[in-house]
Amino acid sequence: MSAASLLAGLGQRLFSPRAPGSSKDDWGRGDVLPVRVHGTQFTATSSMPVRFSAFDQPLVFVTLALMLWGLVMVYSASIAMPDNPKFVHYSQTHFLVRHIISLIVGLVIAVMAFQVPLETWERVAPWVFIVSLVLLIAVLIPFIGKGVNGAKRWISLGVMNFQPSELAKFGVLLYAANYMVRKMEVKEKFFTSVAPMAIAVGLVGSLLLAEPDMGAFMVIAVIAMGILFLGGVNARMFFLIALILVFAFGLIIFFSDWRRERIFAYLDPWSDKYSMGKGYQLSHSLIAIGRGEIFGVGLGGSVEKLHWLPEAHTDFLLAVIGEEFGFVGVMCVIGMFMWLTRRIMYIGRQAIAMDQIFAGLFAQGVGVWMGFQSFINMGVNLGALPTKGLTLPLMSFGGSAILVNLVAIAVVLRVDYENRIMMHGGRL
């Protein structure tokens, strides 16, 4: 059945006039009204059958495809790492096994998250935000936070390292959606309404900069901005806040020597000053993508992953994809993330159309999150943006990132599930 037929059938059940005294079974058998869903008009007819599907299949399929492709590429990018003296005690399947465990744990928790009604998520949103704040503080406490390469971003849980900044993205998203529902007068009392959320995001940003993790702060700021815009802030105020944020990030970079060096290295990664320093990752990422040309050198054939390109299985996974699958592979990844973002935004618009504001804002916030973070990661790998420590969602190695990404998508699927129940005339 086509999507148009399904929507038309659902629209008939929702919007067709019901004659006085008619039974529920008779609802929709008479004259019907045209239904407009997100700019496309369908005319419902009584002959159109309705088949209920409990989840958005395209979203599930593209998510699984990204996860499976990511699993293959994490193994390909990490298989030679034991040859490095730093990882000499690791087996060739060390990162593969850990990634599989992360995917299994993430899927189990995602299934559990799907069972939770949106009403419950809305009620616990402030508490999830508070927990994320507590964990961001805990990671800075000696003997609790674990440092890697000069950054304290992880809390060791024994079987895996948990990164509180990933939970902070989810917590800020829940809090922002919940806040906008409670402050719908935002258009009339802008500064009074937005100030508390700005303070909350600023507090999270301060803790993230102390780790330091400017990349996560950028993603969280964009998520909050997206929720503000989608929640009804007028364009003039929105662009004012955007300018303030750009100015703030500019000051952060200006007063940080090593962040300024990253910008200069991005502008000229091949110079003698930066080619073996701040521009090393970028230059070797570009070499990897250049070697791939149109169709790539073949799966497993990457040379740059052989200890030339640092973090090949995490931040620079796309560079390995570009080398082994070429331009075609990179375009496939871009297309899949565009499709993922499109489906998530569509589910959010559908919820808002049925007056489920919190659910709609949350879903669209996840779309902003996935779209922006993948855009930044791809831009860094392709040399379009300065180097920033952000993983490719659903694909890169990283247990906490995979876990939180899958939970966020599971809640979006819950939004879609409740949308479908409402379109069938049911009650939540």
Protein backbone atom coordinates (compact mmCIF):
# COMPACT_ATOMS: atom_id res chain seq x y z
CA MET A 1 0.00 0.00 0.00
CA SER A 2 1.34 3.43 -0.90
CA ALA A 3 1.95 6.10 1.70
CA ALA A 4 -0.70 8.27 0.07
CA SER A 5 -3.31 5.53 0.44
CA LEU A 6 -2.40 4.93 4.07
CA LEU A 7 -2.60 8.62 4.97
CA ALA A 8 -5.82 9.05 3.08
CA GLY A 9 -7.38 6.11 4.88
CA LEU A 10 -6.26 7.42 8.23
CA GLY A 11 -7.49 10.88 7.37
CA GLN A 12 -10.91 9.48 6.54
CA ARG A 13 -11.22 7.99 10.03
CA LEU A 14 -10.18 11.23 11.66
CA PHE A 15 -11.83 13.95 9.65
CA SER A 16 -14.91 12.52 7.95
CA PRO A 17 -18.19 13.95 9.30
CA ARG A 18 -20.18 11.67 11.57
CA ALA A 19 -23.93 11.78 11.34
CA PRO A 20 -25.92 12.07 14.58
CA GLY A 21 -26.82 8.64 15.91
CA SER A 22 -24.40 6.82 13.65
CA SER A 23 -22.34 4.02 15.15
CA LYS A 24 -18.58 3.88 15.35
CA ASP A 25 -18.58 1.28 12.57
CA ASP A 26 -20.48 3.69 10.32
CA TRP A 27 -17.99 6.52 10.89
CA GLY A 28 -16.49 7.68 7.62
CA ARG A 29 -18.93 5.89 5.26
CA GLY A 30 -20.62 9.09 4.14
CA ASP A 31 -19.24 12.19 2.52
CA VAL A 32 -15.68 12.98 3.50
CA LEU A 33 -13.53 16.05 3.63
CA PRO A 34 -10.17 16.46 1.90
CA VAL A 35 -7.28 15.98 4.31
CA ARG A 36 -4.14 18.08 4.11
CA VAL A 37 -1.06 16.49 5.68
CA HIS A 38 2.14 18.56 5.62
CA GLY A 39 1.32 20.43 2.45
CA THR A 40 0.00 17.42 0.48
CA GLN A 41 -3.75 17.09 0.02
CA PHE A 42 -5.44 13.69 -0.05
CA THR A 43 -9.13 13.02 -0.59
CA ALA A 44 -10.27 10.16 1.59
CA THR A 45 -12.73 7.65 0.15
CA SER A 46 -14.66 4.93 1.92
CA SER A 47 -13.18 2.23 -0.34
CA MET A 48 -9.62 2.77 0.87
CA PRO A 49 -8.53 0.03 3.29
CA VAL A 50 -6.49 0.89 6.36
CA ARG A 51 -3.59 -1.28 7.55
CA PHE A 52 -2.09 -0.39 10.92
CA SER A 53 1.70 -0.52 11.21
CA ALA A 54 3.11 -0.01 14.69
CA PHE A 55 6.30 1.75 13.63
CA ASP A 56 7.86 3.82 10.88
CA GLN A 57 9.55 1.11 8.82
CA PRO A 58 11.77 3.41 6.67
CA LEU A 59 13.22 4.98 9.83
CA VAL A 60 13.95 1.56 11.34
CA PHE A 61 15.51 0.27 8.13
CA VAL A 62 17.83 3.23 7.60
CA THR A 63 18.87 3.12 11.26
CA LEU A 64 19.72 -0.58 11.03
CA ALA A 65 21.56 -0.03 7.74
CA LEU A 66 23.74 2.69 9.27
CA MET A 67 24.44 0.54 12.32
CA LEU A 68 25.43 -2.53 10.28
CA TRP A 69 27.59 -0.55 7.88
CA GLY A 70 29.20 1.18 10.83
CA LEU A 71 29.91 -2.20 12.45
CA VAL A 72 31.72 -3.41 9.32
CA MET A 73 33.71 -0.17 9.03
CA VAL A 74 34.70 -0.10 12.72
CA TYR A 75 36.17 -3.59 12.26
CA SER A 76 37.92 -2.56 9.04
CA ALA A 77 39.33 0.63 10.60
CA SER A 78 40.53 -1.05 13.81
CA ILE A 79 41.75 -4.46 12.64
CA ALA A 80 45.39 -3.30 12.34
CA MET A 81 45.52 -1.38 15.62
CA PRO A 82 47.22 -4.21 17.60
CA ASP A 83 50.30 -3.60 15.41
CA ASN A 84 50.67 -0.28 17.23
CA PRO A 85 52.74 -0.62 20.44
CA LYS A 86 50.04 1.38 22.26
CA PHE A 87 47.50 -1.38 21.55
CA VAL A 88 49.84 -4.37 21.49
CA HIS A 89 47.82 -6.25 24.12
CA TYR A 90 44.58 -5.91 22.14
CA SER A 91 43.30 -8.57 19.76
CA GLN A 92 42.29 -7.73 16.20
CA THR A 93 38.64 -8.08 17.18
CA HIS A 94 38.89 -6.05 20.40
CA PHE A 95 37.04 -2.97 19.10
CA LEU A 96 34.66 -5.09 17.01
CA VAL A 97 33.52 -7.10 20.04
CA ARG A 98 33.11 -3.98 22.18
CA HIS A 99 31.13 -2.30 19.40
CA ILE A 100 28.84 -5.34 19.07
CA ILE A 101 28.26 -5.31 22.84
CA SER A 102 27.44 -1.59 22.68
CA LEU A 103 24.95 -2.19 19.87
CA ILE A 104 23.25 -5.05 21.73
CA VAL A 105 23.02 -3.10 24.99
CA GLY A 106 21.82 -0.03 23.08
CA LEU A 107 19.11 -2.01 21.26
CA VAL A 108 17.86 -3.62 24.48
CA ILE A 109 17.62 -0.26 26.28
CA ALA A 110 16.07 1.31 23.17
CA VAL A 111 13.32 -1.34 23.18
CA MET A 112 12.69 -0.52 26.84
CA ALA A 113 12.62 3.22 26.07
CA PHE A 114 10.07 2.60 23.31
CA GLN A 115 7.66 1.17 25.91
CA VAL A 116 7.61 4.45 27.86
CA PRO A 117 4.71 6.77 26.90
CA LEU A 118 5.52 10.32 25.79
CA GLU A 119 3.50 11.60 28.73
CA THR A 120 6.01 9.95 31.07
CA TRP A 121 9.00 11.32 29.14
CA GLU A 122 7.48 14.79 29.43
CA ARG A 123 7.00 14.39 33.17
CA VAL A 124 10.55 13.14 33.87
CA ALA A 125 12.28 15.56 31.46
CA PRO A 126 13.56 17.94 34.21
CA TRP A 127 14.91 14.98 36.20
CA VAL A 128 16.81 13.56 33.22
CA PHE A 129 18.33 17.01 32.74
CA ILE A 130 19.34 17.18 36.42
CA VAL A 131 20.93 13.70 36.27
CA SER A 132 22.94 14.74 33.22
CA LEU A 133 24.15 17.85 35.10
CA VAL A 134 25.20 15.75 38.09
CA LEU A 135 27.17 13.41 35.83
CA LEU A 136 28.84 16.36 34.06
CA ILE A 137 29.98 17.58 37.47
CA ALA A 138 31.06 14.08 38.55
CA VAL A 139 33.31 13.63 35.52
CA LEU A 140 35.38 16.61 36.70
CA ILE A 141 35.94 15.13 40.19
CA PRO A 142 39.34 13.45 40.65
CA PHE A 143 39.29 9.63 40.75
CA ILE A 144 35.82 9.61 39.14
CA GLY A 145 36.37 11.17 35.74
CA LYS A 146 38.66 9.34 33.33
CA GLY A 147 41.03 11.40 31.20
CA VAL A 148 42.20 10.58 27.67
CA ASN A 149 44.57 12.83 25.68
CA GLY A 150 44.21 15.62 28.22
CA ALA A 151 40.39 15.62 28.29
CA LYS A 152 38.28 14.31 31.19
CA ARG A 153 35.05 13.21 29.51
CA TRP A 154 34.41 9.65 30.68
CA ILE A 155 33.25 7.76 33.77
CA SER A 156 34.47 4.17 33.92
CA LEU A 157 31.70 1.60 34.45
CA GLY A 158 33.98 -1.41 34.23
CA VAL A 159 32.61 -3.00 31.08
CA MET A 160 32.51 0.35 29.26
CA ASN A 161 33.31 4.04 29.64
CA PHE A 162 30.27 6.32 29.81
CA GLN A 163 30.45 9.84 28.39
CA PRO A 164 28.04 12.17 30.27
CA SER A 165 28.05 14.71 27.44
CA GLU A 166 26.05 12.25 25.32
CA LEU A 167 23.37 12.01 28.01
CA ALA A 168 23.48 15.82 28.29
CA LYS A 169 22.40 16.11 24.63
CA PHE A 170 19.39 13.91 25.36
CA GLY A 171 18.66 15.67 28.66
CA VAL A 172 18.80 19.17 27.17
CA LEU A 173 16.55 18.06 24.32
CA LEU A 174 13.93 16.68 26.71
CA TYR A 175 14.16 19.74 28.94
CA ALA A 176 13.92 22.21 26.05
CA ALA A 177 10.86 20.49 24.54
CA ASN A 178 9.19 20.32 27.94
CA TYR A 179 10.09 23.95 28.68
CA MET A 180 8.65 25.26 25.41
CA VAL A 181 5.37 23.47 26.08
CA ARG A 182 5.16 25.16 29.50
CA LYS A 183 6.20 28.56 28.09
CA MET A 184 4.04 28.87 24.99
CA GLU A 185 3.79 32.64 25.61
CA VAL A 186 7.39 32.86 24.39
CA LYS A 187 6.39 35.12 21.52
CA GLU A 188 4.90 37.75 23.84
CA LYS A 189 7.37 37.58 26.74
CA PHE A 190 10.50 36.50 24.98
CA PHE A 191 13.31 37.40 27.37
CA THR A 192 11.35 36.41 30.48
CA SER A 193 10.49 33.03 29.01
CA VAL A 194 13.80 32.16 27.32
CA ALA A 195 16.17 33.34 30.05
CA PRO A 196 15.83 30.21 32.27
CA MET A 197 16.56 27.89 29.33
CA ALA A 198 19.49 30.06 28.27
CA ILE A 199 20.89 29.81 31.81
CA ALA A 200 20.45 26.02 31.76
CA VAL A 201 22.25 25.66 28.42
CA GLY A 202 24.96 28.05 29.62
CA LEU A 203 25.49 25.93 32.74
CA VAL A 204 25.83 22.76 30.67
CA GLY A 205 28.18 24.58 28.29
CA SER A 206 30.40 25.74 31.15
CA LEU A 207 30.75 22.18 32.44
CA LEU A 208 31.49 20.88 28.95
CA LEU A 209 34.15 23.53 28.32
CA ALA A 210 35.80 22.51 31.60
CA GLU A 211 36.32 18.94 30.29
CA PRO A 212 36.96 20.36 27.57
CA ASP A 213 34.37 19.32 24.95
CA MET A 214 33.44 22.24 22.76
CA GLY A 215 31.99 19.96 20.08
CA ALA A 216 29.30 18.61 22.40
CA PHE A 217 28.54 22.16 23.56
CA MET A 218 28.02 23.24 19.95
CA VAL A 219 25.60 20.36 19.33
CA ILE A 220 23.65 21.13 22.53
CA ALA A 221 23.47 24.84 21.66
CA VAL A 222 22.13 24.02 18.19
CA ILE A 223 19.56 21.59 19.65
CA ALA A 224 18.32 24.31 22.02
CA MET A 225 18.23 26.86 19.20
CA GLY A 226 16.30 24.43 17.01
CA ILE A 227 13.70 23.84 19.72
CA LEU A 228 13.33 27.60 20.24
CA PHE A 229 12.76 28.18 16.54
CA LEU A 230 10.38 25.25 16.11
CA GLY A 231 8.57 26.21 19.32
CA GLY A 232 7.52 29.58 17.97
CA VAL A 233 10.26 32.16 18.55
CA ASN A 234 9.96 34.87 15.92
CA ALA A 235 12.72 35.05 13.33
CA ARG A 236 14.17 38.38 14.53
CA MET A 237 14.71 37.14 18.08
CA PHE A 238 15.99 33.81 16.79
CA PHE A 239 18.70 35.42 14.68
CA LEU A 240 19.60 37.70 17.58
CA ILE A 241 20.27 34.66 19.78
CA ALA A 242 22.18 33.00 16.93
CA LEU A 243 24.44 36.05 16.60
CA ILE A 244 25.06 36.04 20.36
CA LEU A 245 26.03 32.37 20.22
CA VAL A 246 28.35 32.89 17.25
CA PHE A 247 29.99 35.80 19.09
CA ALA A 248 30.35 33.70 22.25
CA PHE A 249 31.98 30.80 20.37
CA GLY A 250 34.24 33.30 18.63
CA LEU A 251 35.41 34.64 21.99
CA ILE A 252 36.01 31.10 23.27
CA ILE A 253 38.23 30.38 20.29
CA PHE A 254 39.99 33.74 20.47
CA PHE A 255 41.02 33.32 24.11
CA SER A 256 42.16 29.71 23.68
CA ASP A 257 45.59 29.26 22.09
CA TRP A 258 45.14 25.64 21.09
CA ARG A 259 41.68 26.29 19.61
CA ARG A 260 43.13 29.15 17.53
CA GLU A 261 45.87 26.80 16.36
CA ARG A 262 43.20 24.38 15.15
CA ILE A 263 41.62 27.11 13.04
CA PHE A 264 44.98 28.08 11.53
CA ALA A 265 45.79 24.41 10.88
CA TYR A 266 42.44 24.00 9.14
CA LEU A 267 43.22 26.93 6.87
CA ASP A 268 46.61 25.48 5.86
CA PRO A 269 46.99 21.82 6.97
CA TRP A 270 49.86 21.19 4.53
CA SER A 271 52.22 23.83 5.91
CA ASP A 272 55.43 22.75 7.63
CA LYS A 273 54.13 24.20 10.89
CA TYR A 274 50.89 22.20 11.02
CA SER A 275 51.29 19.13 8.78
CA MET A 276 52.83 17.11 11.65
CA GLY A 277 50.81 18.79 14.40
CA LYS A 278 47.31 20.27 14.50
CA GLY A 279 46.77 19.63 10.78
CA TYR A 280 47.96 16.01 10.84
CA GLN A 281 44.54 14.36 11.12
CA LEU A 282 42.96 16.62 8.52
CA SER A 283 45.76 16.16 5.98
CA HIS A 284 45.66 12.35 6.29
CA SER A 285 41.87 12.36 6.15
CA LEU A 286 42.07 14.22 2.85
CA ILE A 287 44.72 11.80 1.59
CA ALA A 288 42.45 8.85 2.46
CA ILE A 289 39.45 10.35 0.65
CA GLY A 290 41.65 11.29 -2.31
CA ARG A 291 42.95 7.73 -2.62
CA GLY A 292 39.39 6.43 -2.79
CA GLU A 293 38.58 8.40 -5.96
CA ILE A 294 35.20 7.33 -7.41
CA PHE A 295 34.70 3.71 -6.35
CA GLY A 296 37.32 3.25 -3.64
CA VAL A 297 40.16 0.77 -3.16
CA GLY A 298 37.85 -1.93 -1.80
CA LEU A 299 36.73 -3.02 1.66
CA GLY A 300 39.78 -3.60 3.86
CA GLY A 301 42.16 -1.96 1.39
CA SER A 302 42.68 1.33 3.24
CA VAL A 303 46.30 2.35 3.83
CA GLU A 304 45.61 5.40 5.99
CA LYS A 305 44.03 3.26 8.72
CA LEU A 306 47.41 1.56 9.16
CA HIS A 307 48.51 3.97 11.93
CA TRP A 308 48.62 7.03 9.67
CA LEU A 309 45.16 8.39 10.44
CA PRO A 310 44.50 8.76 14.21
CA GLU A 311 41.03 7.90 15.53
CA ALA A 312 40.13 6.18 12.27
CA HIS A 313 37.46 4.06 13.99
CA THR A 314 35.80 7.00 15.77
CA ASP A 315 35.97 10.62 14.58
CA PHE A 316 37.43 9.83 11.14
CA LEU A 317 35.44 6.75 10.16
CA LEU A 318 34.06 8.58 7.12
CA ALA A 319 37.61 9.04 5.78
CA VAL A 320 38.10 5.25 5.82
CA ILE A 321 34.73 4.83 4.10
CA GLY A 322 35.85 7.35 1.48
CA GLU A 323 39.12 5.48 0.90
CA GLU A 324 37.55 2.02 0.69
CA PHE A 325 34.25 2.89 -1.03
CA GLY A 326 35.20 6.12 -2.77
CA PHE A 327 32.97 9.02 -3.70
CA VAL A 328 30.05 6.64 -4.20
CA GLY A 329 30.33 5.35 -0.63
CA VAL A 330 30.54 8.84 0.86
CA MET A 331 27.48 9.94 -1.10
CA CYS A 332 25.58 6.87 0.11
CA VAL A 333 26.36 7.75 3.73
CA ILE A 334 25.29 11.36 3.16
CA GLY A 335 22.08 10.21 1.49
CA MET A 336 21.25 7.83 4.33
CA PHE A 337 21.69 10.53 6.96
CA MET A 338 19.58 12.92 4.90
CA TRP A 339 16.86 10.26 4.73
CA LEU A 340 17.15 9.57 8.48
CA THR A 341 16.80 13.27 9.30
CA ARG A 342 13.92 13.69 6.88
CA ARG A 343 11.92 10.82 8.38
CA ILE A 344 12.47 12.06 11.94
CA MET A 345 11.41 15.61 11.05
CA TYR A 346 8.34 14.26 9.27
CA ILE A 347 7.26 12.33 12.38
CA GLY A 348 7.71 15.49 14.46
CA ARG A 349 5.60 17.59 12.08
CA GLN A 350 2.92 14.92 12.16
CA ALA A 351 2.78 15.02 15.97
CA ILE A 352 2.54 18.82 16.03
CA ALA A 353 -0.27 18.68 13.45
CA MET A 354 -2.21 16.57 15.96
CA ASP A 355 -1.47 19.03 18.76
CA GLN A 356 1.10 16.79 20.46
CA ILE A 357 3.54 19.65 20.97
CA PHE A 358 6.05 18.01 23.31
CA ALA A 359 6.27 14.87 21.19
CA GLY A 360 6.61 16.90 17.99
CA LEU A 361 9.30 19.21 19.37
CA PHE A 362 11.25 16.29 20.79
CA ALA A 363 11.20 14.38 17.50
CA GLN A 364 12.24 17.42 15.49
CA GLY A 365 14.95 18.13 18.05
CA VAL A 366 16.34 14.63 17.45
CA GLY A 367 16.30 15.41 13.73
CA VAL A 368 18.28 18.60 14.36
CA TRP A 369 20.69 16.66 16.58
CA MET A 370 21.37 13.83 14.11
CA GLY A 371 21.48 16.13 11.12
CA PHE A 372 23.81 18.72 12.67
CA GLN A 373 26.23 16.26 14.29
CA SER A 374 26.56 14.18 11.13
CA PHE A 375 27.03 17.39 9.12
CA ILE A 376 29.87 18.52 11.42
CA ASN A 377 31.57 15.10 11.36
CA MET A 378 31.34 14.87 7.58
CA GLY A 379 32.54 18.46 7.17
CA VAL A 380 35.60 17.74 9.33
CA ASN A 381 36.44 14.55 7.42
CA LEU A 382 36.06 16.30 4.06
CA GLY A 383 38.11 19.33 5.11
CA ALA A 384 35.14 21.72 4.95
CA LEU A 385 35.23 22.44 8.71
CA PRO A 386 37.94 22.66 11.38
CA THR A 387 38.77 19.47 13.27
CA LYS A 388 36.24 18.79 16.03
CA GLY A 389 35.90 15.68 18.19
CA LEU A 390 32.42 14.55 17.17
CA THR A 391 31.57 11.01 16.13
CA LEU A 392 29.38 9.96 13.21
CA PRO A 393 26.03 9.02 14.80
CA LEU A 394 25.11 5.31 14.78
CA MET A 395 28.30 4.39 12.91
CA SER A 396 31.45 5.43 14.81
CA PHE A 397 32.90 3.39 17.66
CA GLY A 398 31.69 4.67 21.04
CA GLY A 399 29.43 2.87 23.50
CA SER A 400 27.71 5.81 25.20
CA ALA A 401 27.10 7.62 21.90
CA ILE A 402 25.55 4.52 20.32
CA LEU A 403 23.42 3.93 23.41
CA VAL A 404 22.01 7.46 23.63
CA ASN A 405 21.50 7.72 19.84
CA LEU A 406 19.44 4.51 19.83
CA VAL A 407 17.37 5.62 22.84
CA ALA A 408 16.63 8.95 21.13
CA ILE A 409 15.49 7.20 17.94
CA ALA A 410 13.41 4.74 20.00
CA VAL A 411 11.55 7.66 21.58
CA VAL A 412 10.97 9.10 18.09
CA LEU A 413 9.50 5.74 17.07
CA ARG A 414 7.28 5.99 20.16
CA VAL A 415 6.12 9.40 18.91
CA ASP A 416 5.25 7.81 15.57
CA TYR A 417 3.50 4.91 17.32
CA GLU A 418 1.30 7.29 19.33
CA ASN A 419 0.63 9.34 16.18
CA ARG A 420 -0.72 6.22 14.49
CA ILE A 421 -2.92 5.34 17.46
CA MET A 422 -4.44 8.83 17.39
CA MET A 423 -4.96 8.71 13.63
CA HIS A 424 -6.94 5.51 14.11
CA GLY A 425 -9.22 7.26 16.59
CA GLY A 426 -7.66 5.62 19.63
CA ARG A 427 -6.73 7.31 22.89
CA LEU A 428 -3.34 7.30 24.58
